[in-house]
Protein backbone atom coordinates (compact mmCIF):
# COMPACT_ATOMS: atom_id res chain seq x y z
CA MET A 1 58.80 45.92 36.28
CA PRO A 2 61.15 46.43 33.30
CA ARG A 3 59.44 46.90 29.42
CA PRO A 4 59.52 43.68 27.68
CA THR A 5 62.34 43.95 24.56
CA ALA A 6 61.57 43.02 20.95
CA ALA A 7 63.29 39.77 21.09
CA GLN A 8 60.87 38.83 24.08
CA LEU A 9 57.95 40.06 22.18
CA ALA A 10 59.03 38.14 19.05
CA TYR A 11 59.84 34.88 21.06
CA GLY A 12 56.60 35.06 22.94
CA SER A 13 54.43 35.90 20.21
CA CYS A 14 55.85 32.83 17.77
CA THR A 15 55.61 30.64 20.53
CA VAL A 16 51.75 31.38 21.43
CA ILE A 17 51.06 31.29 17.70
CA LEU A 18 52.84 27.99 16.78
CA SER A 19 52.04 26.15 20.06
CA THR A 20 48.48 26.76 19.70
CA LEU A 21 48.09 25.68 15.91
CA ALA A 22 50.30 22.57 16.96
CA MET A 23 48.10 21.67 20.08
CA LEU A 24 44.86 22.29 17.91
CA LEU A 25 46.08 20.04 14.86
CA LEU A 26 47.40 17.23 17.40
CA SER A 27 44.27 17.14 19.73
CA GLN A 28 41.56 17.53 16.80
CA THR A 29 39.17 19.12 19.28
CA SER A 30 36.03 20.81 18.31
CA SER A 31 34.53 21.93 21.43
CA GLY A 32 34.37 25.54 22.61
CA VAL A 33 35.98 24.38 26.15
CA GLY A 34 38.91 22.42 24.47
CA ILE A 35 39.97 25.33 22.48
CA ALA A 36 39.86 27.80 25.42
CA ILE A 37 41.87 25.36 27.48
CA ILE A 38 44.51 25.04 24.60
CA ALA A 39 44.47 28.99 24.15
CA VAL A 40 45.14 29.44 27.74
CA ALA A 41 48.01 26.86 27.51
CA ALA A 42 49.39 28.52 24.42
CA LEU A 43 49.50 31.97 26.04
CA ALA A 44 51.02 30.65 29.28
CA LEU A 45 53.70 28.83 27.58
CA GLY A 46 54.34 32.05 25.67
CA LEU A 47 54.70 33.94 28.50
CA LEU A 48 57.00 31.77 30.06
CA VAL A 49 59.24 31.64 26.73
CA ALA A 50 59.25 35.49 26.73
CA MET A 51 60.35 35.70 30.36
CA THR A 52 63.14 33.26 30.02
CA VAL A 53 64.74 35.21 27.17
CA PRO A 54 68.14 36.74 28.67
CA LEU A 55 67.49 40.52 29.15
CA PRO A 56 70.63 42.61 27.26
CA GLY A 57 73.08 43.92 29.51
CA LYS A 58 72.49 41.64 32.68
CA ARG A 59 75.01 39.23 32.25
CA PRO A 60 76.38 37.29 35.12
CA ALA A 61 79.65 38.76 36.25
CA ALA A 62 82.57 36.35 35.48
CA VAL A 63 84.35 35.25 38.45
CA GLU A 64 87.83 35.94 38.22
CA GLN A 65 90.73 33.47 39.42
CA PRO A 66 94.14 34.73 40.89
CA ALA A 67 96.86 34.29 38.32
CA PRO A 68 99.59 31.69 39.44
CA GLU A 69 102.40 33.75 41.29
CA GLU A 70 105.17 32.11 39.03
CA PRO A 71 104.44 30.65 35.35
CA VAL A 72 104.62 26.86 35.06
CA ARG A 73 106.87 26.12 32.25
CA ALA A 74 106.99 22.52 30.82
CA SER A 75 109.91 21.61 28.74
CA VAL A 76 108.91 18.85 25.95
CA ALA A 77 111.40 17.26 24.19
CA ALA A 78 110.98 17.22 20.22
CA PRO A 79 110.65 13.97 19.03
CA ALA A 80 113.37 12.41 16.98
CA PRO A 81 113.10 12.76 13.13
CA GLU A 82 112.30 9.63 11.51
CA PRO A 83 114.39 8.35 8.68
CA VAL A 84 112.85 8.82 5.06
CA ARG A 85 112.03 5.67 3.49
CA GLU A 86 112.33 5.31 -0.17
CA ARG A 87 110.68 2.99 -2.35
CA ALA A 88 112.21 0.79 -4.64
CA VAL A 89 111.18 1.07 -8.08
CA SER A 90 110.35 -2.26 -9.75
């Protein structure tokens, strides 16, 4: 298993800290069991986020499409110039 990158560690740690804080504030729990459940859920969420951060250098190969044999040239006629309209000074 490859070692985690700095980005994975940063994203995972921030996710654990912020999600724990948010869940504790939103649930307003004070029991030990509730805090333990929130801590385990935050750790699982942080692990999920850290593992989904893309690794550098492992990009999917682009699918190359063959070029057409002869380039297609479209001819578009330029629009006729519109006559300039002058305003009458009054």
